[in-house]
């Protein structure tokens, strides 16, 4: 399936950066750059605009859903804020609180109201883990009650493992690393944590799946369907299986009632087509079976064809909806403040409704810019299914 005329809007242009390359790439496909906007005419979007390259630092934009117009609200922080020079990578909007942004500050996880500019400390890991600790790579359940993060040594930056905090109970769980730690992620319900670690299996990052209620671990490694570039739903994960014999296979693993491998959700006809990569499932719902939901991904490659934003059903049908070209050339210099290929790869994310996808692209030129495209989801799930945010 191909969407012939998707509705799209350009978020940034050269005027935002003094004609320089100041737009940082959106953080990653599981960190939401758009707010909970159900029932509102406007959607909020935040981006990092590097001040040293002509930008205004972390910046708030508005998108009018009726007129398709973008306007700049301004800097997220007042002058003199210690966050004014941040890239905003790893920050994300709440799935339910329209003006709440989550960000990290050393050992603290903070909530920040983007309009009142007031902070609230969700937790401080020094209370449980002592000094010389900091956090990064945070995630939150969609009801804002459970949170996870990578725990690090503040002085050396060593990754120590994954911390999970239950806000109602004011309690921490900690899953100590057993190998070379990459990251951990939290499912949308807050029940399940997945830690990605290199434990010595060649060309593999093991998936350690934890039940946050009991602490019980289930481990996947080697050719047994371990996933990378994954995102989480309610009691399941989606991601790329690099050991699968099918070309660029994307799988689902279910966690309940037991950890079991689900269907191959997508595969390419051959290895010459660009991967369906950087899975984004910010539209996950608790009240709809996974088989009736969808996720989107994006990628860019120097050699492969089909560098596009693509959405797939989660039912194993292998149907795909091509939404828009990513418009990124990895051989050009535009990199949003970084010269790395990784920074130029589009790692866009879906909003809570599954209606809008935001990503950054260098437009085959020498600067990065951000775009928003409307996903014609009715082509995937039918006009009768409304994808709205969960509880």
Protein backbone atom coordinates (compact mmCIF):
# COMPACT_ATOMS: atom_id res chain seq x y z
CA UNK A 1 0.00 0.00 0.00
CA UNK A 2 1.24 3.47 -0.84
CA UNK A 3 -0.16 6.74 0.49
CA UNK A 4 -0.19 8.94 -2.60
CA UNK A 5 -0.84 12.34 -1.05
CA UNK A 6 -0.15 12.39 2.70
CA UNK A 7 -0.69 15.66 4.52
CA UNK A 8 2.63 17.02 5.77
CA UNK A 9 4.10 20.14 7.34
CA UNK A 10 7.63 21.49 7.60
CA UNK A 11 8.49 22.34 11.22
CA UNK A 12 11.86 24.08 10.84
CA UNK A 13 13.53 26.07 8.07
CA UNK A 14 16.78 28.06 7.71
CA UNK A 15 15.32 31.02 9.63
CA UNK A 16 15.35 28.93 12.82
CA UNK A 17 19.13 28.62 12.68
CA UNK A 18 20.43 31.71 10.94
CA UNK A 19 20.83 29.52 7.84
CA UNK A 20 23.16 27.16 9.76
CA UNK A 21 22.84 23.45 10.57
CA UNK A 22 21.41 23.72 14.09
CA UNK A 23 18.53 21.21 14.22
CA UNK A 24 19.38 18.15 16.27
CA UNK A 25 17.88 14.89 15.10
CA UNK A 26 14.80 13.76 17.02
CA UNK A 27 16.02 11.69 19.94
CA UNK A 28 14.92 8.17 19.02
CA UNK A 29 11.82 6.38 17.80
CA UNK A 30 10.55 5.56 21.31
CA UNK A 31 10.95 9.11 22.71
CA UNK A 32 7.86 11.13 21.88
CA UNK A 33 8.48 14.65 20.53
CA UNK A 34 4.74 15.39 20.40
CA UNK A 35 2.33 15.85 23.29
CA UNK A 36 -0.97 14.27 24.34
CA UNK A 37 -3.26 16.40 22.17
CA UNK A 38 -6.54 14.45 21.98
CA UNK A 39 -9.57 16.75 21.85
CA UNK A 40 -7.42 19.81 21.12
CA UNK A 41 -6.99 21.80 17.94
CA UNK A 42 -3.25 22.16 18.47
CA UNK A 43 -0.44 19.70 19.02
CA UNK A 44 2.84 20.64 20.73
CA UNK A 45 6.23 19.60 19.34
CA UNK A 46 9.66 20.10 20.88
CA UNK A 47 13.04 20.01 19.14
CA UNK A 48 16.64 20.74 20.00
CA UNK A 49 18.12 23.71 18.10
CA UNK A 50 21.83 24.00 18.90
CA UNK A 51 22.55 27.48 20.27
CA UNK A 52 26.19 27.38 19.19
CA UNK A 53 24.94 26.97 15.61
CA UNK A 54 22.37 29.74 15.57
CA UNK A 55 19.43 28.01 17.27
CA UNK A 56 17.43 28.78 20.41
CA UNK A 57 18.24 25.59 22.34
CA UNK A 58 15.36 23.23 23.19
CA UNK A 59 12.41 24.88 21.45
CA UNK A 60 8.63 24.45 21.48
CA UNK A 61 6.47 24.54 18.33
CA UNK A 62 2.71 24.31 17.78
CA UNK A 63 0.89 22.52 14.99
CA UNK A 64 -2.71 23.48 14.20
CA UNK A 65 -4.49 20.28 13.20
CA UNK A 66 -7.28 22.17 11.44
CA UNK A 67 -5.17 24.50 9.31
CA UNK A 68 -2.00 22.38 9.02
CA UNK A 69 0.05 25.39 10.13
CA UNK A 70 3.24 25.33 12.22
CA UNK A 71 4.21 28.18 14.55
CA UNK A 72 7.16 28.59 16.88
CA UNK A 73 6.26 29.17 20.53
CA UNK A 74 9.85 29.79 21.60
CA UNK A 75 12.53 28.47 23.89
CA UNK A 76 11.42 25.80 26.38
CA UNK A 77 13.44 27.45 29.15
CA UNK A 78 14.00 30.98 30.41
CA UNK A 79 17.30 32.72 29.78
CA UNK A 80 20.03 31.45 32.09
CA UNK A 81 18.56 27.96 32.50
CA UNK A 82 21.15 25.20 32.71
CA UNK A 83 19.12 23.28 30.11
CA UNK A 84 19.34 26.00 27.46
CA UNK A 85 22.31 24.33 25.73
CA UNK A 86 20.90 20.79 25.88
CA UNK A 87 20.29 18.73 22.74
CA UNK A 88 16.97 17.49 24.25
CA UNK A 89 17.89 13.91 23.31
CA UNK A 90 16.22 11.43 25.64
CA UNK A 91 13.43 13.80 26.66
CA UNK A 92 9.81 12.97 25.87
CA UNK A 93 6.26 14.17 26.35
CA UNK A 94 3.89 12.37 28.72
CA UNK A 95 1.33 10.12 27.03
CA UNK A 96 -1.51 11.65 29.06
CA UNK A 97 -0.48 15.05 30.48
CA UNK A 98 -0.64 17.57 27.62
CA UNK A 99 1.98 20.03 28.87
CA UNK A 100 4.32 17.64 30.74
CA UNK A 101 7.80 16.86 29.47
CA UNK A 102 10.14 14.32 31.10
CA UNK A 103 13.84 15.11 31.30
CA UNK A 104 16.87 13.94 33.27
CA UNK A 105 19.15 16.05 35.44
CA UNK A 106 22.10 14.08 36.81
CA UNK A 107 20.58 11.65 39.35
CA UNK A 108 17.08 13.09 38.99
CA UNK A 109 14.11 12.42 36.77
CA UNK A 110 12.12 15.62 36.33
CA UNK A 111 8.68 16.60 35.09
CA UNK A 112 8.60 19.98 33.40
CA UNK A 113 5.51 21.95 32.48
CA UNK A 114 6.32 23.57 29.13
CA UNK A 115 3.92 26.48 29.73
CA UNK A 116 4.33 27.29 33.44
CA UNK A 117 8.06 26.37 33.24
CA UNK A 118 7.83 24.66 36.64
CA UNK A 119 9.80 21.54 37.60
CA UNK A 120 8.77 18.55 39.70
CA UNK A 121 11.20 15.85 40.84
CA UNK A 122 9.82 12.38 40.15
CA UNK A 123 12.73 10.60 41.87
CA UNK A 124 16.38 11.02 42.80
CA UNK A 125 18.46 7.83 42.61
CA UNK A 126 20.90 9.03 45.26
CA UNK A 127 18.26 8.24 47.88
CA UNK A 128 18.58 4.53 47.04
CA UNK A 129 21.92 4.13 45.27
CA UNK A 130 24.10 6.77 46.91
CA UNK A 131 26.26 9.51 45.48
CA UNK A 132 28.19 9.28 42.21
CA UNK A 133 25.14 8.12 40.29
CA UNK A 134 23.23 9.58 37.36
CA UNK A 135 20.51 8.43 34.95
CA UNK A 136 19.84 8.53 31.23
CA UNK A 137 17.73 6.68 28.61
CA UNK A 138 14.48 7.13 30.56
CA UNK A 139 11.05 5.67 29.81
CA UNK A 140 7.61 5.95 31.44
CA UNK A 141 4.44 3.90 31.44
CA UNK A 142 1.58 5.56 29.61
CA UNK A 143 -0.22 6.24 32.90
CA UNK A 144 2.87 8.04 34.30
CA UNK A 145 3.09 5.70 37.30
CA UNK A 146 6.19 3.60 36.52
CA UNK A 147 9.52 4.84 35.15
CA UNK A 148 12.78 3.23 34.04
CA UNK A 149 16.28 4.52 33.32
CA UNK A 150 19.84 3.42 32.75
CA UNK A 151 21.89 3.88 35.93
CA UNK A 152 25.43 5.16 35.46
CA UNK A 153 28.47 5.99 37.53
CA UNK A 154 28.63 9.78 37.42
CA UNK A 155 32.43 9.99 37.36
CA UNK A 156 33.27 7.33 34.76
CA UNK A 157 29.99 7.05 32.86
CA UNK A 158 29.97 3.26 33.32
CA UNK A 159 26.57 1.69 32.73
CA UNK A 160 25.54 -0.22 35.85
CA UNK A 161 22.14 -1.61 34.87
CA UNK A 162 18.49 -0.65 34.77
CA UNK A 163 16.54 1.08 37.51
CA UNK A 164 12.71 0.94 37.67
CA UNK A 165 10.73 3.26 39.93
CA UNK A 166 7.11 2.77 41.01
CA UNK A 167 5.78 6.22 41.77
CA UNK A 168 2.67 5.12 43.75
CA UNK A 169 4.80 2.80 45.93
CA UNK A 170 7.85 5.09 45.99
CA UNK A 171 9.96 2.00 45.46
CA UNK A 172 12.92 1.13 43.23
CA UNK A 173 13.85 -2.10 41.52
CA UNK A 174 17.32 -2.56 40.09
CA UNK A 175 18.42 -5.03 37.44
CA UNK A 176 22.22 -5.24 37.57
CA UNK A 177 24.01 -5.69 34.27
CA UNK A 178 25.62 -9.07 33.59
CA UNK A 179 27.38 -8.14 30.35
CA UNK A 180 28.12 -5.06 28.32
CA UNK A 181 25.01 -2.98 28.91
CA UNK A 182 23.36 -1.18 26.00
CA UNK A 183 20.00 0.11 27.24
CA UNK A 184 16.72 -0.87 28.84
CA UNK A 185 13.12 -0.12 27.95
CA UNK A 186 9.77 -0.20 29.74
CA UNK A 187 6.51 -1.47 28.30
CA UNK A 188 3.56 0.94 28.13
CA UNK A 189 1.85 -0.68 31.14
CA UNK A 190 4.92 -0.43 33.39
CA UNK A 191 4.78 -4.16 34.14
CA UNK A 192 7.71 -5.29 31.97
CA UNK A 193 11.31 -4.15 31.52
CA UNK A 194 13.61 -5.30 28.72
CA UNK A 195 17.37 -4.90 29.10
CA UNK A 196 19.66 -5.18 26.07
CA UNK A 197 23.13 -6.51 26.88
CA UNK A 198 26.06 -8.11 25.10
CA UNK A 199 26.71 -11.32 27.05
CA UNK A 200 29.26 -12.81 24.67
CA UNK A 201 27.13 -14.28 21.89
CA UNK A 202 28.66 -13.15 18.56
CA UNK A 203 26.65 -10.57 16.61
CA UNK A 204 23.94 -10.52 19.24
CA UNK A 205 22.56 -8.34 22.02
CA UNK A 206 20.66 -10.46 24.52
CA UNK A 207 17.16 -9.47 25.65
CA UNK A 208 16.64 -9.83 29.42
CA UNK A 209 12.91 -9.56 30.08
CA UNK A 210 11.89 -8.74 33.67
CA UNK A 211 8.51 -8.90 35.36
CA UNK A 212 8.52 -5.75 37.50
CA UNK A 213 6.00 -7.25 39.91
CA UNK A 214 8.09 -10.30 40.77
CA UNK A 215 11.58 -9.54 39.45
CA UNK A 216 11.56 -12.81 37.49
CA UNK A 217 13.83 -12.82 34.42
CA UNK A 218 13.37 -14.52 31.04
CA UNK A 219 16.42 -14.38 28.79
CA UNK A 220 16.61 -14.44 24.99
CA UNK A 221 19.93 -14.64 23.19
CA UNK A 222 21.65 -15.87 20.06
CA UNK A 223 19.51 -17.11 17.18
CA UNK A 224 16.37 -17.32 19.33
CA UNK A 225 14.72 -14.17 18.02
CA UNK A 226 16.44 -11.47 20.05
CA UNK A 227 15.31 -8.00 19.00
CA UNK A 228 17.13 -4.76 18.39
CA UNK A 229 15.86 -1.24 17.55
CA UNK A 230 12.78 -2.25 19.52
CA UNK A 231 9.77 -0.49 20.97
CA UNK A 232 7.17 -1.65 23.45
CA UNK A 233 3.41 -2.08 23.60
CA UNK A 234 1.22 -3.33 26.42
CA UNK A 235 2.80 -6.65 27.37
CA UNK A 236 4.82 -7.11 24.16
CA UNK A 237 7.81 -5.80 22.25
CA UNK A 238 8.47 -5.21 18.55
CA UNK A 239 11.82 -5.06 16.82
CA UNK A 240 14.36 -6.29 14.29
CA UNK A 241 15.55 -9.91 14.43
CA UNK A 242 19.01 -9.95 12.88
CA UNK A 243 19.33 -13.74 13.17
CA UNK A 244 16.17 -14.46 11.18
CA UNK A 245 16.70 -16.07 7.75
CA UNK A 246 13.95 -13.88 6.28
CA UNK A 247 15.30 -10.59 4.84
CA UNK A 248 15.21 -7.80 7.46
CA UNK A 249 12.60 -9.55 9.60
CA UNK A 250 10.60 -7.65 12.25
CA UNK A 251 9.09 -9.72 15.07
CA UNK A 252 6.71 -9.44 18.00
CA UNK A 253 7.37 -11.09 21.37
CA UNK A 254 4.49 -11.43 23.84
CA UNK A 255 5.13 -11.35 27.59
CA UNK A 256 1.79 -12.55 28.93
CA UNK A 257 0.79 -15.12 30.10
CA UNK A 258 4.34 -16.28 29.31
CA UNK A 259 7.18 -14.96 27.16
CA UNK A 260 6.47 -16.38 23.70
CA UNK A 261 7.52 -15.47 20.18
CA UNK A 262 4.75 -13.97 18.12
CA UNK A 263 4.50 -13.61 14.35
CA UNK A 264 7.00 -12.20 11.89
CA UNK A 265 5.36 -8.83 11.32
CA UNK A 266 7.33 -7.72 8.30
CA UNK A 267 10.09 -8.89 6.02
CA UNK A 268 11.55 -7.57 2.79
CA UNK A 269 11.32 -9.39 -0.54
CA UNK A 270 15.14 -9.45 -0.66
CA UNK A 271 18.19 -8.07 1.15
CA UNK A 272 18.58 -5.14 -1.28
CA UNK A 273 15.63 -3.21 0.18
CA UNK A 274 16.32 -0.89 3.14
CA UNK A 275 15.37 -2.26 6.52
CA UNK A 276 12.11 -1.38 8.21
CA UNK A 277 14.02 0.08 11.12
CA UNK A 278 13.85 2.21 14.28
CA UNK A 279 10.45 0.90 15.34
CA UNK A 280 8.03 3.47 16.78
CA UNK A 281 4.90 2.32 18.64
CA UNK A 282 4.00 5.40 20.67
CA UNK A 283 0.39 4.76 19.62
CA UNK A 284 0.14 1.50 21.61
CA UNK A 285 -3.26 0.86 23.23
CA UNK A 286 -4.27 -1.24 26.21
CA UNK A 287 -7.81 -1.89 24.94
CA UNK A 288 -7.05 -3.14 21.41
CA UNK A 289 -5.34 -6.50 20.63
CA UNK A 290 -1.88 -6.15 19.08
CA UNK A 291 -3.15 -7.84 15.92
CA UNK A 292 -5.38 -4.80 15.31
CA UNK A 293 -2.67 -2.22 15.90
CA UNK A 294 0.25 -0.89 13.86
CA UNK A 295 3.68 0.67 14.21
CA UNK A 296 5.89 2.78 11.95
CA UNK A 297 9.58 2.91 11.14
CA UNK A 298 12.10 4.79 9.06
CA UNK A 299 15.58 4.28 7.70
CA UNK A 300 18.14 5.56 5.22
CA UNK A 301 20.84 3.62 3.44
CA UNK A 302 23.65 4.44 1.02
CA UNK A 303 23.03 1.37 -1.10
CA UNK A 304 19.50 0.04 -0.59
CA UNK A 305 16.29 1.23 -2.18
CA UNK A 306 13.05 2.25 -0.43
CA UNK A 307 14.34 4.82 2.07
CA UNK A 308 10.89 5.69 3.34
CA UNK A 309 8.64 6.08 6.35
CA UNK A 310 6.69 2.85 6.49
CA UNK A 311 3.92 1.55 8.76
CA UNK A 312 3.00 -2.09 9.29
CA UNK A 313 0.18 -4.07 10.86
CA UNK A 314 1.09 -6.15 13.90
CA UNK A 315 -0.86 -9.20 12.73
CA UNK A 316 1.84 -10.88 10.63
CA UNK A 317 0.16 -10.07 7.32
CA UNK A 318 3.32 -8.36 6.02
CA UNK A 319 1.17 -5.53 4.69
CA UNK A 320 2.96 -2.21 4.68
CA UNK A 321 1.89 1.38 4.18
CA UNK A 322 4.51 3.65 2.61
CA UNK A 323 3.73 7.08 4.06
CA UNK A 324 6.45 9.40 2.76
CA UNK A 325 10.07 9.48 1.59
CA UNK A 326 12.57 10.28 4.34
CA UNK A 327 14.48 12.64 1.97
CA UNK A 328 17.81 11.90 3.66
CA UNK A 329 21.15 11.47 1.90
CA UNK A 330 23.77 9.86 4.15
CA UNK A 331 26.57 11.13 1.90
CA UNK A 332 25.83 14.81 2.46
CA UNK A 333 26.93 16.87 5.43
CA UNK A 334 23.64 17.87 7.04
CA UNK A 335 23.70 16.32 10.49
CA UNK A 336 21.94 18.44 13.10
CA UNK A 337 25.08 19.34 15.00
CA UNK A 338 26.78 16.00 14.39
CA UNK A 339 28.73 14.61 11.46
CA UNK A 340 27.88 10.98 12.21
CA UNK A 341 25.83 8.79 9.88
CA UNK A 342 23.80 7.71 12.90
CA UNK A 343 22.70 11.30 13.52
CA UNK A 344 21.58 11.64 9.90
CA UNK A 345 19.51 8.44 9.94
CA UNK A 346 15.82 9.27 10.49
CA UNK A 347 14.62 7.86 13.81
CA UNK A 348 11.21 9.50 13.85
CA UNK A 349 8.42 8.84 16.32
CA UNK A 350 4.64 8.44 16.31
CA UNK A 351 2.32 10.55 18.43
CA UNK A 352 -0.02 8.94 20.99
CA UNK A 353 -2.87 8.68 18.47
CA UNK A 354 -0.79 7.11 15.71
CA UNK A 355 -1.90 9.93 13.41
CA UNK A 356 1.29 11.99 13.16
CA UNK A 357 4.90 11.00 12.55
CA UNK A 358 7.75 13.47 13.18
CA UNK A 359 11.29 13.01 11.89
CA UNK A 360 14.39 14.93 10.86
CA UNK A 361 16.01 14.87 7.44
CA UNK A 362 18.88 16.66 5.72
CA UNK A 363 16.84 16.98 2.51
CA UNK A 364 19.89 15.67 0.64
CA UNK A 365 21.68 18.89 1.61
CA UNK A 366 23.93 20.42 4.23
CA UNK A 367 21.48 21.05 7.09
CA UNK A 368 18.93 19.09 9.08
CA UNK A 369 15.25 20.06 9.31
CA UNK A 370 12.19 18.55 10.99
CA UNK A 371 8.97 17.48 9.30
CA UNK A 372 5.58 16.16 10.36
CA UNK A 373 3.44 13.85 8.23
CA UNK A 374 -0.11 12.64 8.79
CA UNK A 375 -0.40 8.85 8.67
CA UNK A 376 -3.49 7.65 6.76
CA UNK A 377 -4.03 4.93 9.36
CA UNK A 378 -7.45 4.00 8.02
CA UNK A 379 -5.64 2.20 5.21
CA UNK A 380 -4.10 -0.09 7.86
CA UNK A 381 -6.80 -0.52 10.49
CA UNK A 382 -9.99 0.65 8.79
CA UNK A 383 -12.06 3.75 9.37
CA UNK A 384 -13.89 2.21 12.34
CA UNK A 385 -10.84 2.01 14.64
CA UNK A 386 -9.85 5.18 16.44
CA UNK A 387 -6.27 5.10 17.70
CA UNK A 388 -6.23 7.31 20.72
CA UNK A 389 -3.98 7.41 23.74
CA UNK A 390 -4.31 4.92 26.52
CA UNK A 391 -5.21 5.57 30.11
